Amino acid sequence: MTLSFRSVGCDIIAARHAKTNKKTTRTMKNNNAYHEPCMPRRMLADNETLLRREAQHLLAAEVGRLLASPDASPRCWTGSQADLMEALYLAFETGDLTDDMGLPITFTSLVRKVFARLGRSVPGNPYKVARIASARKGIRQQCYLNRYLLLYKRGHHDIFLKHIN
């Protein structure tokens, strides 16, 4: 099966090879044809979604380690309050964290426990702070999960815990 598309003066032909079952694109550049492998957009989106989900579960595990650590001395968060609230909300969304009864922990109790552990005062409306923080966009301000995922792809570990002294 061959599909043809017309795009900016060059013909792009997507052909599915029967033997290899690989999808490739064939483009004409300077009257020379060449083949390059391409990955369907849906597959790229699925891989990115899986990476984001995996990073979110790793973040929840780091928050769980913070709560389970026996060290009772107050610690200090070196990042912004918006980053902390967004990270806690991402960890809460996974449903991996549980309370003493084995039930999924509520967001407000998670915030209270972590803020008490860090010696900080709890914001009046934690949901609002987390929602505003997660809506950050642009070049200079990205949401915490995007930055966490970038560092995770580069091979860094315990990214959340490195913000705690």
N, C-alpha and C. Protein backbone atom coordinates (compact mmCIF):
# COMPACT_ATOMS: atom_id res chain seq x y z
N MET A 1 0.84 -1.18 0.00
CA MET A 1 0.00 0.00 0.00
C MET A 1 0.88 1.23 0.00
N THR A 2 0.64 2.16 -0.90
CA THR A 2 1.44 3.36 -1.02
C THR A 2 0.55 4.58 -0.94
N LEU A 3 0.92 5.52 -0.08
CA LEU A 3 0.18 6.77 0.06
C LEU A 3 1.07 7.90 -0.42
N SER A 4 0.50 8.83 -1.17
CA SER A 4 1.27 9.97 -1.65
C SER A 4 0.76 11.25 -1.02
N PHE A 5 1.67 12.13 -0.67
CA PHE A 5 1.34 13.42 -0.10
C PHE A 5 2.08 14.50 -0.87
N ARG A 6 1.48 15.67 -1.01
CA ARG A 6 2.12 16.80 -1.68
C ARG A 6 2.48 17.80 -0.61
N SER A 7 3.75 18.15 -0.49
CA SER A 7 4.17 19.05 0.58
C SER A 7 5.32 19.91 0.11
N VAL A 8 5.15 21.20 0.08
CA VAL A 8 6.16 22.22 -0.18
C VAL A 8 7.11 21.84 -1.30
N GLY A 9 6.60 21.49 -2.43
CA GLY A 9 7.42 21.26 -3.60
C GLY A 9 8.12 19.92 -3.64
N CYS A 10 7.94 19.04 -2.68
CA CYS A 10 8.59 17.73 -2.77
C CYS A 10 7.55 16.65 -2.51
N ASP A 11 7.71 15.54 -3.15
CA ASP A 11 6.79 14.42 -2.97
C ASP A 11 7.30 13.53 -1.84
N ILE A 12 6.42 13.23 -0.94
CA ILE A 12 6.76 12.31 0.15
C ILE A 12 5.91 11.07 -0.03
N ILE A 13 6.55 9.96 -0.11
CA ILE A 13 5.84 8.71 -0.31
C ILE A 13 6.10 7.80 0.88
N ALA A 14 5.04 7.42 1.55
CA ALA A 14 5.17 6.50 2.68
C ALA A 14 4.85 5.11 2.18
N ALA A 15 5.79 4.22 2.31
CA ALA A 15 5.59 2.86 1.81
C ALA A 15 5.81 1.87 2.95
N ARG A 16 4.98 0.89 3.04
CA ARG A 16 5.14 -0.15 4.04
C ARG A 16 5.73 -1.37 3.34
N HIS A 17 6.92 -1.77 3.80
CA HIS A 17 7.61 -2.89 3.18
C HIS A 17 7.06 -4.19 3.74
N ALA A 18 6.75 -5.13 2.86
CA ALA A 18 6.15 -6.39 3.27
C ALA A 18 7.15 -7.27 4.01
N LYS A 19 8.42 -7.27 3.57
CA LYS A 19 9.39 -8.16 4.18
C LYS A 19 9.78 -7.72 5.59
N THR A 20 10.12 -6.45 5.75
CA THR A 20 10.60 -5.98 7.05
C THR A 20 9.49 -5.43 7.92
N ASN A 21 8.34 -5.12 7.34
CA ASN A 21 7.21 -4.53 8.05
C ASN A 21 7.63 -3.24 8.74
N LYS A 22 8.52 -2.49 8.11
CA LYS A 22 8.98 -1.21 8.62
C LYS A 22 8.37 -0.10 7.79
N LYS A 23 8.02 0.98 8.46
CA LYS A 23 7.48 2.12 7.74
C LYS A 23 8.64 3.08 7.50
N THR A 24 8.82 3.46 6.25
CA THR A 24 9.89 4.39 5.91
C THR A 24 9.32 5.52 5.07
N THR A 25 10.03 6.62 5.04
CA THR A 25 9.62 7.72 4.16
C THR A 25 10.65 7.82 3.04
N ARG A 26 10.16 8.17 1.88
CA ARG A 26 11.04 8.36 0.74
C ARG A 26 10.86 9.79 0.29
N THR A 27 11.89 10.56 0.31
CA THR A 27 11.80 11.96 -0.07
C THR A 27 12.75 12.24 -1.21
N MET A 28 12.42 13.28 -1.95
CA MET A 28 13.28 13.70 -3.05
C MET A 28 13.99 14.98 -2.62
N LYS A 29 15.29 14.94 -2.57
CA LYS A 29 16.08 16.12 -2.28
C LYS A 29 17.19 16.19 -3.30
N ASN A 30 17.28 17.29 -3.97
CA ASN A 30 18.31 17.49 -4.99
C ASN A 30 18.33 16.34 -5.99
N ASN A 31 17.16 15.88 -6.39
CA ASN A 31 17.00 14.79 -7.35
C ASN A 31 17.61 13.47 -6.88
N ASN A 32 17.90 13.34 -5.60
CA ASN A 32 18.41 12.08 -5.05
C ASN A 32 17.37 11.53 -4.07
N ALA A 33 17.01 10.29 -4.23
CA ALA A 33 16.04 9.66 -3.33
C ALA A 33 16.80 8.97 -2.20
N TYR A 34 16.30 9.12 -1.00
CA TYR A 34 16.90 8.39 0.11
C TYR A 34 15.80 7.92 1.05
N HIS A 35 16.09 6.90 1.82
CA HIS A 35 15.14 6.33 2.75
C HIS A 35 15.60 6.64 4.17
N GLU A 36 14.66 6.96 5.01
CA GLU A 36 14.98 7.15 6.43
C GLU A 36 13.85 6.54 7.23
N PRO A 37 14.17 5.85 8.31
CA PRO A 37 13.11 5.24 9.11
C PRO A 37 12.31 6.32 9.82
N CYS A 38 11.04 6.11 9.96
CA CYS A 38 10.22 7.05 10.70
C CYS A 38 9.35 6.27 11.68
N MET A 39 9.00 6.94 12.77
CA MET A 39 8.18 6.31 13.78
C MET A 39 6.83 7.04 13.77
N PRO A 40 5.75 6.31 13.77
CA PRO A 40 4.45 6.97 13.77
C PRO A 40 4.29 7.88 14.99
N ARG A 41 3.57 8.98 14.81
CA ARG A 41 3.39 9.94 15.91
C ARG A 41 2.73 9.31 17.11
N ARG A 42 1.80 8.41 16.88
CA ARG A 42 1.10 7.76 17.99
C ARG A 42 2.09 6.98 18.86
N MET A 43 3.05 6.29 18.22
CA MET A 43 4.03 5.52 18.97
C MET A 43 4.93 6.44 19.78
N LEU A 44 5.33 7.57 19.20
CA LEU A 44 6.14 8.54 19.95
C LEU A 44 5.37 9.07 21.14
N ALA A 45 4.10 9.38 20.95
CA ALA A 45 3.28 9.89 22.04
C ALA A 45 3.11 8.85 23.13
N ASP A 46 2.93 7.59 22.75
CA ASP A 46 2.78 6.52 23.74
C ASP A 46 4.06 6.35 24.55
N ASN A 47 5.23 6.39 23.88
CA ASN A 47 6.50 6.26 24.60
C ASN A 47 6.70 7.41 25.57
N GLU A 48 6.37 8.61 25.15
CA GLU A 48 6.51 9.78 26.02
C GLU A 48 5.57 9.69 27.21
N THR A 49 4.36 9.22 26.98
CA THR A 49 3.39 9.05 28.06
C THR A 49 3.88 8.02 29.06
N LEU A 50 4.45 6.93 28.57
CA LEU A 50 4.98 5.91 29.47
C LEU A 50 6.15 6.45 30.29
N LEU A 51 7.03 7.22 29.65
CA LEU A 51 8.15 7.82 30.39
C LEU A 51 7.66 8.79 31.46
N ARG A 52 6.67 9.59 31.13
CA ARG A 52 6.11 10.54 32.10
C ARG A 52 5.49 9.80 33.27
N ARG A 53 4.76 8.73 32.98
CA ARG A 53 4.13 7.94 34.04
C ARG A 53 5.19 7.29 34.93
N GLU A 54 6.25 6.76 34.31
CA GLU A 54 7.32 6.14 35.08
C GLU A 54 8.02 7.17 35.96
N ALA A 55 8.27 8.35 35.42
CA ALA A 55 8.90 9.41 36.20
C ALA A 55 8.00 9.83 37.37
N GLN A 56 6.71 9.85 37.13
CA GLN A 56 5.77 10.23 38.19
C GLN A 56 5.78 9.19 39.31
N HIS A 57 5.87 7.91 38.97
CA HIS A 57 5.95 6.87 39.99
C HIS A 57 7.28 6.93 40.75
N LEU A 58 8.37 7.25 40.06
CA LEU A 58 9.66 7.42 40.74
C LEU A 58 9.61 8.60 41.71
N LEU A 59 8.95 9.67 41.31
CA LEU A 59 8.79 10.83 42.18
C LEU A 59 7.99 10.45 43.42
N ALA A 60 6.93 9.67 43.24
CA ALA A 60 6.13 9.22 44.38
C ALA A 60 6.96 8.35 45.32
N ALA A 61 7.84 7.53 44.76
CA ALA A 61 8.71 6.70 45.59
C ALA A 61 9.68 7.56 46.41
N GLU A 62 10.18 8.63 45.81
CA GLU A 62 11.08 9.54 46.53
C GLU A 62 10.35 10.25 47.67
N VAL A 63 9.10 10.68 47.41
CA VAL A 63 8.31 11.32 48.47
C VAL A 63 8.04 10.31 49.58
N GLY A 64 7.76 9.07 49.21
CA GLY A 64 7.55 8.02 50.21
C GLY A 64 8.79 7.78 51.05
N ARG A 65 9.97 7.82 50.43
CA ARG A 65 11.22 7.66 51.19
C ARG A 65 11.43 8.82 52.15
N LEU A 66 11.05 10.02 51.74
CA LEU A 66 11.16 11.18 52.63
C LEU A 66 10.27 10.99 53.85
N LEU A 67 9.04 10.53 53.63
CA LEU A 67 8.12 10.35 54.74
C LEU A 67 8.51 9.18 55.64
N ALA A 68 9.12 8.16 55.06
CA ALA A 68 9.46 6.96 55.83
C ALA A 68 10.83 7.04 56.50
N SER A 69 11.62 8.05 56.18
CA SER A 69 12.97 8.13 56.76
C SER A 69 12.88 8.36 58.27
N PRO A 70 13.72 7.69 59.06
CA PRO A 70 13.63 7.78 60.52
C PRO A 70 14.19 9.09 61.08
N ASP A 71 14.91 9.84 60.27
CA ASP A 71 15.51 11.08 60.74
C ASP A 71 14.42 12.08 61.11
N ALA A 72 14.33 12.46 62.38
CA ALA A 72 13.26 13.35 62.85
C ALA A 72 13.66 14.81 62.81
N SER A 73 14.93 15.11 62.51
CA SER A 73 15.34 16.51 62.49
C SER A 73 14.71 17.22 61.30
N PRO A 74 14.31 18.49 61.48
CA PRO A 74 13.69 19.20 60.36
C PRO A 74 14.68 19.41 59.22
N ARG A 75 14.18 19.29 58.04
CA ARG A 75 15.00 19.49 56.85
C ARG A 75 14.55 20.75 56.15
N CYS A 76 15.29 21.14 55.10
CA CYS A 76 14.99 22.38 54.39
C CYS A 76 14.85 22.09 52.91
N TRP A 77 13.78 22.61 52.30
CA TRP A 77 13.55 22.49 50.85
C TRP A 77 14.25 23.65 50.17
N THR A 78 15.11 23.37 49.21
CA THR A 78 15.88 24.42 48.55
C THR A 78 15.21 24.97 47.30
N GLY A 79 14.19 24.30 46.80
CA GLY A 79 13.47 24.78 45.61
C GLY A 79 12.36 25.74 46.00
N SER A 80 11.54 26.09 45.05
CA SER A 80 10.42 27.00 45.32
C SER A 80 9.24 26.23 45.91
N GLN A 81 8.35 26.96 46.56
CA GLN A 81 7.17 26.35 47.14
C GLN A 81 6.27 25.79 46.03
N ALA A 82 6.23 26.46 44.90
CA ALA A 82 5.42 25.99 43.78
C ALA A 82 5.94 24.64 43.28
N ASP A 83 7.25 24.48 43.19
CA ASP A 83 7.83 23.19 42.77
C ASP A 83 7.48 22.09 43.77
N LEU A 84 7.58 22.40 45.05
CA LEU A 84 7.27 21.41 46.07
C LEU A 84 5.80 20.99 46.00
N MET A 85 4.90 21.95 45.86
CA MET A 85 3.48 21.64 45.79
C MET A 85 3.15 20.83 44.54
N GLU A 86 3.76 21.19 43.43
CA GLU A 86 3.51 20.45 42.19
C GLU A 86 4.05 19.03 42.29
N ALA A 87 5.23 18.87 42.88
CA ALA A 87 5.81 17.54 43.05
C ALA A 87 4.94 16.68 43.96
N LEU A 88 4.42 17.27 45.02
CA LEU A 88 3.56 16.52 45.93
C LEU A 88 2.25 16.13 45.24
N TYR A 89 1.71 17.01 44.42
CA TYR A 89 0.48 16.68 43.72
C TYR A 89 0.72 15.56 42.69
N LEU A 90 1.84 15.61 42.01
CA LEU A 90 2.17 14.54 41.06
C LEU A 90 2.32 13.20 41.77
N ALA A 91 2.95 13.23 42.95
CA ALA A 91 3.10 12.00 43.73
C ALA A 91 1.74 11.51 44.22
N PHE A 92 0.88 12.43 44.62
CA PHE A 92 -0.46 12.07 45.08
C PHE A 92 -1.28 11.44 43.96
N GLU A 93 -1.16 11.96 42.75
CA GLU A 93 -1.94 11.47 41.60
C GLU A 93 -1.68 10.01 41.29
N THR A 94 -0.50 9.51 41.60
CA THR A 94 -0.18 8.11 41.28
C THR A 94 -1.00 7.14 42.12
N GLY A 95 -1.35 7.54 43.34
CA GLY A 95 -2.07 6.65 44.24
C GLY A 95 -1.15 5.64 44.91
N ASP A 96 0.16 5.79 44.75
CA ASP A 96 1.12 4.86 45.34
C ASP A 96 1.32 5.08 46.84
N LEU A 97 1.08 6.29 47.31
CA LEU A 97 1.32 6.61 48.71
C LEU A 97 0.09 6.28 49.55
N THR A 98 0.32 5.63 50.69
CA THR A 98 -0.78 5.24 51.56
C THR A 98 -0.55 5.79 52.96
N ASP A 99 -1.64 5.87 53.72
CA ASP A 99 -1.54 6.34 55.10
C ASP A 99 -1.30 5.16 56.03
N ASP A 100 -1.45 5.38 57.33
CA ASP A 100 -1.18 4.33 58.32
C ASP A 100 -2.18 3.17 58.24
N MET A 101 -3.36 3.43 57.72
CA MET A 101 -4.39 2.40 57.60
C MET A 101 -4.29 1.63 56.28
N GLY A 102 -3.37 2.00 55.41
CA GLY A 102 -3.23 1.34 54.12
C GLY A 102 -4.10 1.92 53.03
N LEU A 103 -4.79 3.01 53.32
CA LEU A 103 -5.64 3.67 52.33
C LEU A 103 -4.82 4.70 51.57
N PRO A 104 -5.21 5.03 50.34
CA PRO A 104 -4.49 6.09 49.62
C PRO A 104 -4.56 7.40 50.41
N ILE A 105 -3.43 8.04 50.54
CA ILE A 105 -3.33 9.26 51.33
C ILE A 105 -4.02 10.41 50.62
N THR A 106 -4.66 11.29 51.38
CA THR A 106 -5.29 12.46 50.78
C THR A 106 -4.21 13.50 50.50
N PHE A 107 -4.51 14.39 49.58
CA PHE A 107 -3.52 15.40 49.20
C PHE A 107 -3.21 16.33 50.36
N THR A 108 -4.24 16.76 51.08
CA THR A 108 -4.00 17.70 52.19
C THR A 108 -3.18 17.06 53.31
N SER A 109 -3.44 15.78 53.61
CA SER A 109 -2.64 15.13 54.66
C SER A 109 -1.20 14.90 54.19
N LEU A 110 -1.02 14.61 52.91
CA LEU A 110 0.33 14.48 52.36
C LEU A 110 1.08 15.79 52.48
N VAL A 111 0.41 16.89 52.13
CA VAL A 111 1.04 18.21 52.21
C VAL A 111 1.39 18.53 53.66
N ARG A 112 0.46 18.26 54.58
CA ARG A 112 0.73 18.54 56.00
C ARG A 112 1.93 17.76 56.52
N LYS A 113 1.99 16.47 56.17
CA LYS A 113 3.10 15.63 56.65
C LYS A 113 4.44 16.11 56.09
N VAL A 114 4.49 16.38 54.80
CA VAL A 114 5.76 16.79 54.17
C VAL A 114 6.18 18.17 54.67
N PHE A 115 5.23 19.09 54.77
CA PHE A 115 5.57 20.44 55.23
C PHE A 115 6.01 20.42 56.69
N ALA A 116 5.41 19.56 57.51
CA ALA A 116 5.85 19.41 58.90
C ALA A 116 7.26 18.84 58.94
N ARG A 117 7.53 17.91 58.06
CA ARG A 117 8.86 17.30 57.99
C ARG A 117 9.92 18.32 57.56
N LEU A 118 9.50 19.25 56.69
CA LEU A 118 10.43 20.26 56.19
C LEU A 118 10.43 21.53 57.04
N GLY A 119 9.58 21.60 58.06
CA GLY A 119 9.54 22.77 58.94
C GLY A 119 8.99 24.01 58.27
N ARG A 120 8.02 23.84 57.37
CA ARG A 120 7.43 24.97 56.66
C ARG A 120 5.96 25.07 57.00
N SER A 121 5.37 26.23 56.78
CA SER A 121 3.94 26.40 57.01
C SER A 121 3.17 25.98 55.76
N VAL A 122 2.03 25.35 55.98
CA VAL A 122 1.21 24.84 54.89
C VAL A 122 0.46 26.01 54.24
N PRO A 123 0.42 26.10 52.89
CA PRO A 123 -0.35 27.16 52.25
C PRO A 123 -1.84 26.99 52.53
N GLY A 124 -2.58 28.09 52.45
CA GLY A 124 -4.00 28.07 52.75
C GLY A 124 -4.79 27.14 51.84
N ASN A 125 -4.49 27.13 50.55
CA ASN A 125 -5.20 26.29 49.59
C ASN A 125 -4.16 25.52 48.77
N PRO A 126 -3.76 24.33 49.25
CA PRO A 126 -2.71 23.58 48.55
C PRO A 126 -3.07 23.21 47.11
N TYR A 127 -4.34 22.90 46.86
CA TYR A 127 -4.76 22.55 45.50
C TYR A 127 -4.53 23.70 44.53
N LYS A 128 -4.85 24.91 44.98
CA LYS A 128 -4.69 26.08 44.11
C LYS A 128 -3.22 26.32 43.77
N VAL A 129 -2.36 26.21 44.77
CA VAL A 129 -0.93 26.42 44.53
C VAL A 129 -0.39 25.37 43.56
N ALA A 130 -0.81 24.11 43.74
CA ALA A 130 -0.36 23.04 42.85
C ALA A 130 -0.90 23.23 41.44
N ARG A 131 -2.16 23.66 41.31
CA ARG A 131 -2.75 23.87 39.99
C ARG A 131 -2.06 25.00 39.24
N ILE A 132 -1.79 26.09 39.93
CA ILE A 132 -1.10 27.22 39.30
C ILE A 132 0.31 26.82 38.89
N ALA A 133 0.98 26.06 39.74
CA ALA A 133 2.35 25.63 39.44
C ALA A 133 2.39 24.68 38.24
N SER A 134 1.40 23.81 38.14
CA SER A 134 1.41 22.85 37.02
C SER A 134 1.02 23.50 35.70
N ALA A 135 0.47 24.71 35.75
CA ALA A 135 0.07 25.40 34.52
C ALA A 135 1.20 26.23 33.93
N ARG A 136 2.37 26.20 34.55
CA ARG A 136 3.49 26.99 34.04
C ARG A 136 3.89 26.46 32.67
N LYS A 137 4.10 27.39 31.76
CA LYS A 137 4.53 27.02 30.41
C LYS A 137 5.51 28.04 29.92
N GLY A 138 6.23 27.68 28.90
CA GLY A 138 7.16 28.61 28.30
C GLY A 138 8.58 28.07 28.36
N ILE A 139 9.50 28.89 27.94
CA ILE A 139 10.90 28.47 27.87
C ILE A 139 11.54 28.51 29.25
N ARG A 140 11.31 29.56 29.97
CA ARG A 140 11.99 29.73 31.26
C ARG A 140 11.28 29.03 32.41
N GLN A 141 9.98 28.86 32.32
CA GLN A 141 9.23 28.20 33.38
C GLN A 141 8.53 26.98 32.83
N GLN A 142 8.99 25.81 33.19
CA GLN A 142 8.35 24.57 32.78
C GLN A 142 7.80 23.89 34.02
N CYS A 143 6.82 23.03 33.82
CA CYS A 143 6.27 22.32 34.96
C CYS A 143 7.32 21.37 35.53
N TYR A 144 7.14 21.00 36.79
CA TYR A 144 8.13 20.21 37.51
C TYR A 144 8.34 18.85 36.86
N LEU A 145 7.27 18.23 36.37
CA LEU A 145 7.41 16.90 35.77
C LEU A 145 8.27 16.95 34.51
N ASN A 146 8.16 18.00 33.71
CA ASN A 146 9.01 18.12 32.51
C ASN A 146 10.48 18.22 32.90
N ARG A 147 10.78 19.02 33.92
CA ARG A 147 12.18 19.15 34.37
C ARG A 147 12.67 17.86 35.00
N TYR A 148 11.81 17.20 35.78
CA TYR A 148 12.16 15.92 36.41
C TYR A 148 12.44 14.88 35.33
N LEU A 149 11.59 14.84 34.31
CA LEU A 149 11.76 13.88 33.22
C LEU A 149 13.04 14.14 32.44
N LEU A 150 13.37 15.40 32.21
CA LEU A 150 14.60 15.75 31.51
C LEU A 150 15.82 15.25 32.28
N LEU A 151 15.84 15.48 33.59
CA LEU A 151 16.96 15.01 34.40
C LEU A 151 16.99 13.49 34.48
N TYR A 152 15.82 12.87 34.52
CA TYR A 152 15.74 11.41 34.56
C TYR A 152 16.30 10.80 33.28
N LYS A 153 15.98 11.42 32.13
CA LYS A 153 16.51 10.92 30.86
C LYS A 153 18.02 11.06 30.79
N ARG A 154 18.56 12.06 31.48
CA ARG A 154 20.02 12.25 31.50
C ARG A 154 20.73 11.32 32.49
N GLY A 155 19.97 10.51 33.22
CA GLY A 155 20.57 9.53 34.11
C GLY A 155 20.69 9.96 35.56
N HIS A 156 20.07 11.06 35.95
CA HIS A 156 20.11 11.50 37.34
C HIS A 156 19.11 10.68 38.16
N HIS A 157 19.43 10.47 39.44
CA HIS A 157 18.55 9.73 40.34
C HIS A 157 18.32 10.55 41.60
N ASP A 158 17.23 10.25 42.31
CA ASP A 158 16.85 10.96 43.53
C ASP A 158 16.79 12.47 43.29
N ILE A 159 16.13 12.86 42.26
CA ILE A 159 16.07 14.26 41.85
C ILE A 159 15.30 15.09 42.88
N PHE A 160 14.18 14.56 43.36
CA PHE A 160 13.37 15.27 44.34
C PHE A 160 14.12 15.41 45.66
N LEU A 161 14.77 14.35 46.11
CA LEU A 161 15.46 14.37 47.39
C LEU A 161 16.70 15.26 47.38
N LYS A 162 17.24 15.57 46.21
CA LYS A 162 18.41 16.46 46.14
C LYS A 162 18.06 17.90 46.49
N HIS A 163 16.75 18.24 46.46
CA HIS A 163 16.32 19.58 46.84
C HIS A 163 16.17 19.74 48.34
N ILE A 164 16.42 18.66 49.08
CA ILE A 164 16.24 18.70 50.53
C ILE A 164 17.60 18.61 51.22
N ASN A 165 17.84 19.56 52.10
CA ASN A 165 19.10 19.56 52.87
C ASN A 165 18.84 19.06 54.27
